[in-house]
Every structure is written in structure tokens, then in C-alpha cells.
Amino acid sequence: MKRTIKLFYEPASQQFFVFYLANGIEMLFKVDQANPTMISRVTEHGFFKSKHERDKVIEEMEIFAQQEIRKLEDGM
């Protein structure tokens, strides 16, 4: 299965979220508005071979969220 990472904005809570989907792993994290490198878990489903694998996915999500928010800020 192809890996999918998406950043989206939820207007009701005025909050950015980052979503990860790949190989039976589904993770939704909330992005800290003041510090986009900080994300906190909302929901997480999946089995990881190790804690290192999970940490690597979360790091990838943090980097993705930071890059996408920078793009949005540069566009405004």
C-alpha cells in the first residue's frame, strides 16, 4: 500500500492536523500552532515492529507538518 501523509485544517477547532496512512497503520496527530515541530496524538491504529519504527514515522510526520505550514506561511 502506498504511504499517504496529509495536512489539513479543521475550522471549528481552528487547528491543523496531520494524517498518516500506510500498510495498516493509521495515525492522526494534532499540530501545535505555536511550534509546528510539536505534534500530539489524537488517534493511532496499527502494529509496529519496534518502537524505533513508530518513532521514525512520527518524526516523518513532524517534518512534513513543519514543511507544509512553512509553505502556507510563505504563500500568505
Protein backbone atom coordinates (compact mmCIF):
# COMPACT_ATOMS: atom_id res chain seq x y z
CA MET A 1 0.00 0.00 0.00
CA LYS A 2 1.19 3.48 -0.84
CA ARG A 3 2.09 5.82 2.01
CA THR A 4 -0.11 8.89 2.42
CA ILE A 5 0.60 11.92 4.60
CA LYS A 6 -1.81 14.86 4.59
CA LEU A 7 -2.02 18.13 6.46
CA PHE A 8 -5.50 19.55 6.92
CA TYR A 9 -7.16 22.39 8.80
CA GLU A 10 -10.29 21.92 10.91
CA PRO A 11 -12.12 25.30 11.07
CA ALA A 12 -14.34 24.54 14.09
CA SER A 13 -11.34 23.99 16.38
CA GLN A 14 -9.04 26.28 14.34
CA GLN A 15 -6.43 23.54 14.41
CA PHE A 16 -4.09 21.82 11.93
CA PHE A 17 -3.90 18.03 11.87
CA VAL A 18 -1.50 15.66 10.13
CA PHE A 19 -2.76 12.25 8.94
CA TYR A 20 -0.59 9.23 8.08
CA LEU A 21 -1.82 6.09 6.33
CA ALA A 22 0.34 3.16 5.15
CA ASN A 23 0.38 -0.64 5.39
CA GLY A 24 -2.31 -0.98 8.05
CA ILE A 25 -1.01 1.98 10.06
CA GLU A 26 -3.33 4.91 10.60
CA MET A 27 -2.25 7.87 12.72
CA LEU A 28 -3.86 11.26 13.33
CA PHE A 29 -1.89 13.91 15.20
CA LYS A 30 -2.71 17.50 16.17
CA VAL A 31 -0.12 20.12 15.18
CA ASP A 32 0.90 22.69 17.81
CA GLN A 33 0.01 26.13 16.41
CA ALA A 34 2.89 27.93 18.13
CA ASN A 35 5.51 25.29 17.34
CA PRO A 36 4.74 23.17 14.23
CA THR A 37 7.54 20.74 15.08
CA MET A 38 5.45 19.56 18.05
CA ILE A 39 2.61 17.17 17.32
CA SER A 40 0.40 15.30 19.76
CA ARG A 41 -1.51 12.09 19.20
CA VAL A 42 -5.24 12.20 18.58
CA THR A 43 -5.68 8.61 17.38
CA GLU A 44 -3.34 5.81 16.37
CA HIS A 45 -4.09 2.37 14.94
CA GLY A 46 -1.54 -0.14 13.70
CA PHE A 47 1.17 -2.55 14.67
CA PHE A 48 4.82 -1.57 14.59
CA LYS A 49 7.76 -3.97 14.54
CA SER A 50 9.57 -1.80 17.08
CA LYS A 51 9.40 1.48 18.97
CA HIS A 52 12.10 2.76 16.62
CA GLU A 53 9.80 2.22 13.61
CA ARG A 54 6.98 4.17 15.31
CA ASP A 55 9.34 6.99 16.31
CA LYS A 56 10.60 7.21 12.72
CA VAL A 57 7.03 7.58 11.39
CA ILE A 58 6.25 10.29 13.95
CA GLU A 59 9.44 12.15 13.05
CA GLU A 60 8.45 11.97 9.37
CA MET A 61 5.02 13.41 10.25
CA GLU A 62 6.61 16.25 12.25
CA ILE A 63 8.91 17.19 9.37
CA PHE A 64 6.06 17.02 6.87
CA ALA A 65 3.80 19.23 9.02
CA GLN A 66 6.57 21.78 9.53
CA GLN A 67 7.33 21.95 5.78
CA GLU A 68 3.68 22.29 4.79
CA ILE A 69 2.97 25.03 7.35
CA ARG A 70 6.06 26.91 6.13
CA LYS A 71 4.68 26.70 2.57
CA LEU A 72 1.36 28.10 3.77
CA GLU A 73 3.04 30.94 5.66
CA ASP A 74 5.24 31.83 2.68
CA GLY A 75 2.18 31.92 0.44
CA MET A 76 0.36 34.43 2.64
